[in-house]
Amino acid sequence: MALVKLTPEMAAEALKRVDWGAQDALTDADIAAQVAADPDAAPLLTAAETVAAVAITIRKRLGLSQAAFAERYGIPVGTLRDWEQGRKRPDATALTYLRVIAKAPEMVARALDAA
């Protein structure tokens, strides 16, 4: 695969050529149709699938099993499993907690150990 260097100037020029009015006029159905028609596009994820991907990605990046992650961060393992399998979505507070873990996993673990 060839690598292409994209300079800030090239990016700025490409953005100038975008018809932003046409982009803003796209409906969700239009976007879904375009994604479905493009074999190189990743599929659109539902909100539950997005949350599941976030939880799985954080846990795997840390190299932890579900049980170890749940224990380390004080999340019931059944709850984590439900999030990862898309059966349930974390509320806003829990989702924020996952984002904090993603940004500072060691700090969160230390804070919880100190408590």
C-alpha atoms as a PDB file:
ATOM      1  CA  MET A   1       0.000   0.000   0.000  1.00  0.00           C
ATOM      2  CA  ALA A   2       1.396   3.379  -0.973  1.00  0.00           C
ATOM      3  CA  LEU A   3       1.647   6.126   1.591  1.00  0.00           C
ATOM      4  CA  VAL A   4       0.608   9.621   0.641  1.00  0.00           C
ATOM      5  CA  LYS A   5       1.733  12.678   2.563  1.00  0.00           C
ATOM      6  CA  LEU A   6      -1.107  15.075   3.231  1.00  0.00           C
ATOM      7  CA  THR A   7       0.005  18.590   4.047  1.00  0.00           C
ATOM      8  CA  PRO A   8      -2.190  21.095   5.902  1.00  0.00           C
ATOM      9  CA  GLU A   9      -2.449  23.060   2.671  1.00  0.00           C
ATOM     10  CA  MET A  10      -3.730  20.002   0.789  1.00  0.00           C
ATOM     11  CA  ALA A  11      -6.313  19.371   3.494  1.00  0.00           C
ATOM     12  CA  ALA A  12      -7.454  22.999   3.457  1.00  0.00           C
ATOM     13  CA  GLU A  13      -7.815  22.917  -0.338  1.00  0.00           C
ATOM     14  CA  ALA A  14      -9.836  19.693  -0.196  1.00  0.00           C
ATOM     15  CA  LEU A  15     -12.155  21.202   2.418  1.00  0.00           C
ATOM     16  CA  LYS A  16     -12.754  24.228   0.181  1.00  0.00           C
ATOM     17  CA  ARG A  17     -14.028  21.926  -2.588  1.00  0.00           C
ATOM     18  CA  VAL A  18     -16.697  20.318  -0.367  1.00  0.00           C
ATOM     19  CA  ASP A  19     -20.277  21.370  -1.041  1.00  0.00           C
ATOM     20  CA  TRP A  20     -21.248  21.839   2.611  1.00  0.00           C
ATOM     21  CA  GLY A  21     -24.838  22.749   1.721  1.00  0.00           C
ATOM     22  CA  ALA A  22     -25.263  19.374   0.029  1.00  0.00           C
ATOM     23  CA  GLN A  23     -23.663  17.641   3.010  1.00  0.00           C
ATOM     24  CA  ASP A  24     -25.994  19.385   5.446  1.00  0.00           C
ATOM     25  CA  ALA A  25     -28.994  18.397   3.326  1.00  0.00           C
ATOM     26  CA  LEU A  26     -28.238  14.670   3.599  1.00  0.00           C
ATOM     27  CA  THR A  27     -30.746  12.699   5.626  1.00  0.00           C
ATOM     28  CA  ASP A  28     -29.855   9.719   7.800  1.00  0.00           C
ATOM     29  CA  ALA A  29     -31.351   7.494   5.096  1.00  0.00           C
ATOM     30  CA  ASP A  30     -29.136   9.143   2.449  1.00  0.00           C
ATOM     31  CA  ILE A  31     -26.050   8.577   4.572  1.00  0.00           C
ATOM     32  CA  ALA A  32     -26.995   4.953   5.275  1.00  0.00           C
ATOM     33  CA  ALA A  33     -27.507   4.342   1.552  1.00  0.00           C
ATOM     34  CA  GLN A  34     -24.113   5.844   0.715  1.00  0.00           C
ATOM     35  CA  VAL A  35     -22.392   3.733   3.369  1.00  0.00           C
ATOM     36  CA  ALA A  36     -24.158   0.588   2.142  1.00  0.00           C
ATOM     37  CA  ALA A  37     -23.122   1.323  -1.455  1.00  0.00           C
ATOM     38  CA  ASP A  38     -19.441   1.833  -0.599  1.00  0.00           C
ATOM     39  CA  PRO A  39     -17.624  -1.465  -0.020  1.00  0.00           C
ATOM     40  CA  ASP A  40     -14.749   0.392   1.657  1.00  0.00           C
ATOM     41  CA  ALA A  41     -16.956   2.156   4.207  1.00  0.00           C
ATOM     42  CA  ALA A  42     -17.328   0.756   7.683  1.00  0.00           C
ATOM     43  CA  PRO A  43     -20.925  -0.034   8.608  1.00  0.00           C
ATOM     44  CA  LEU A  44     -22.849   2.499  10.659  1.00  0.00           C
ATOM     45  CA  LEU A  45     -23.115   1.475  14.287  1.00  0.00           C
ATOM     46  CA  THR A  46     -26.156   1.869  16.476  1.00  0.00           C
ATOM     47  CA  ALA A  47     -25.745   3.733  19.749  1.00  0.00           C
ATOM     48  CA  ALA A  48     -25.623   0.416  21.623  1.00  0.00           C
ATOM     49  CA  GLU A  49     -22.983  -0.965  19.217  1.00  0.00           C
ATOM     50  CA  THR A  50     -20.908   2.198  19.620  1.00  0.00           C
ATOM     51  CA  VAL A  51     -20.973   1.926  23.416  1.00  0.00           C
ATOM     52  CA  ALA A  52     -20.148  -1.778  23.184  1.00  0.00           C
ATOM     53  CA  ALA A  53     -17.177  -0.984  20.946  1.00  0.00           C
ATOM     54  CA  VAL A  54     -15.973   1.698  23.368  1.00  0.00           C
ATOM     55  CA  ALA A  55     -16.134  -0.658  26.361  1.00  0.00           C
ATOM     56  CA  ILE A  56     -14.449  -3.516  24.509  1.00  0.00           C
ATOM     57  CA  THR A  57     -11.738  -1.281  23.061  1.00  0.00           C
ATOM     58  CA  ILE A  58     -10.822   0.231  26.428  1.00  0.00           C
ATOM     59  CA  ARG A  59     -10.709  -3.161  28.144  1.00  0.00           C
ATOM     60  CA  LYS A  60      -8.686  -4.843  25.392  1.00  0.00           C
ATOM     61  CA  ARG A  61      -6.272  -1.899  25.123  1.00  0.00           C
ATOM     62  CA  LEU A  62      -5.550  -2.427  28.810  1.00  0.00           C
ATOM     63  CA  GLY A  63      -5.102  -6.162  28.215  1.00  0.00           C
ATOM     64  CA  LEU A  64      -7.682  -7.137  30.834  1.00  0.00           C
ATOM     65  CA  SER A  65     -10.326  -9.837  30.869  1.00  0.00           C
ATOM     66  CA  GLN A  66     -13.882  -8.805  31.608  1.00  0.00           C
ATOM     67  CA  ALA A  67     -13.524 -10.099  35.163  1.00  0.00           C
ATOM     68  CA  ALA A  68     -10.210  -8.297  35.767  1.00  0.00           C
ATOM     69  CA  PHE A  69     -11.455  -5.015  34.257  1.00  0.00           C
ATOM     70  CA  ALA A  70     -14.681  -5.170  36.259  1.00  0.00           C
ATOM     71  CA  GLU A  71     -12.829  -5.866  39.496  1.00  0.00           C
ATOM     72  CA  ARG A  72     -10.158  -3.232  38.894  1.00  0.00           C
ATOM     73  CA  TYR A  73     -12.689  -0.468  38.188  1.00  0.00           C
ATOM     74  CA  GLY A  74     -15.550  -1.494  40.458  1.00  0.00           C
ATOM     75  CA  ILE A  75     -18.028  -2.396  37.735  1.00  0.00           C
ATOM     76  CA  PRO A  76     -20.188  -5.494  38.194  1.00  0.00           C
ATOM     77  CA  VAL A  77     -18.958  -8.048  35.650  1.00  0.00           C
ATOM     78  CA  GLY A  78     -22.525  -8.751  34.520  1.00  0.00           C
ATOM     79  CA  THR A  79     -23.036  -5.053  33.808  1.00  0.00           C
ATOM     80  CA  LEU A  80     -19.812  -4.870  31.791  1.00  0.00           C
ATOM     81  CA  ARG A  81     -20.820  -8.000  29.872  1.00  0.00           C
ATOM     82  CA  ASP A  82     -24.232  -6.473  29.109  1.00  0.00           C
ATOM     83  CA  TRP A  83     -22.574  -3.294  27.815  1.00  0.00           C
ATOM     84  CA  GLU A  84     -20.103  -5.200  25.662  1.00  0.00           C
ATOM     85  CA  GLN A  85     -22.777  -7.449  24.200  1.00  0.00           C
ATOM     86  CA  GLY A  86     -25.090  -4.518  23.517  1.00  0.00           C
ATOM     87  CA  ARG A  87     -27.880  -5.756  25.762  1.00  0.00           C
ATOM     88  CA  LYS A  88     -27.726  -2.592  27.865  1.00  0.00           C
ATOM     89  CA  ARG A  89     -26.240   0.862  27.525  1.00  0.00           C
ATOM     90  CA  PRO A  90     -24.428   2.635  30.329  1.00  0.00           C
ATOM     91  CA  ASP A  91     -26.096   5.790  31.573  1.00  0.00           C
ATOM     92  CA  ALA A  92     -24.351   9.133  31.080  1.00  0.00           C
ATOM     93  CA  THR A  93     -22.407   8.840  34.335  1.00  0.00           C
ATOM     94  CA  ALA A  94     -21.134   5.343  33.552  1.00  0.00           C
ATOM     95  CA  LEU A  95     -20.177   6.345  30.020  1.00  0.00           C
ATOM     96  CA  THR A  96     -18.226   9.301  31.416  1.00  0.00           C
ATOM     97  CA  TYR A  97     -16.523   6.916  33.847  1.00  0.00           C
ATOM     98  CA  LEU A  98     -15.483   4.705  30.905  1.00  0.00           C
ATOM     99  CA  ARG A  99     -14.055   7.751  29.146  1.00  0.00           C
ATOM    100  CA  VAL A 100     -12.060   8.691  32.254  1.00  0.00           C
ATOM    101  CA  ILE A 101     -10.726   5.138  32.464  1.00  0.00           C
ATOM    102  CA  ALA A 102      -9.729   5.355  28.787  1.00  0.00           C
ATOM    103  CA  LYS A 103      -7.777   8.590  29.388  1.00  0.00           C
ATOM    104  CA  ALA A 104      -6.165   7.743  32.740  1.00  0.00           C
ATOM    105  CA  PRO A 105      -6.537   4.041  33.576  1.00  0.00           C
ATOM    106  CA  GLU A 106      -3.701   3.911  36.108  1.00  0.00           C
ATOM    107  CA  MET A 107      -4.849   7.056  37.904  1.00  0.00           C
ATOM    108  CA  VAL A 108      -8.376   5.672  38.243  1.00  0.00           C
ATOM    109  CA  ALA A 109      -7.051   2.354  39.546  1.00  0.00           C
ATOM    110  CA  ARG A 110      -4.830   4.147  42.099  1.00  0.00           C
ATOM    111  CA  ALA A 111      -7.692   6.361  43.208  1.00  0.00           C
ATOM    112  CA  LEU A 112      -9.896   3.333  43.744  1.00  0.00           C
ATOM    113  CA  ASP A 113      -7.150   1.467  45.631  1.00  0.00           C
ATOM    114  CA  ALA A 114      -6.657   4.469  47.895  1.00  0.00           C
ATOM    115  CA  ALA A 115     -10.360   4.538  48.717  1.00  0.00           C
END
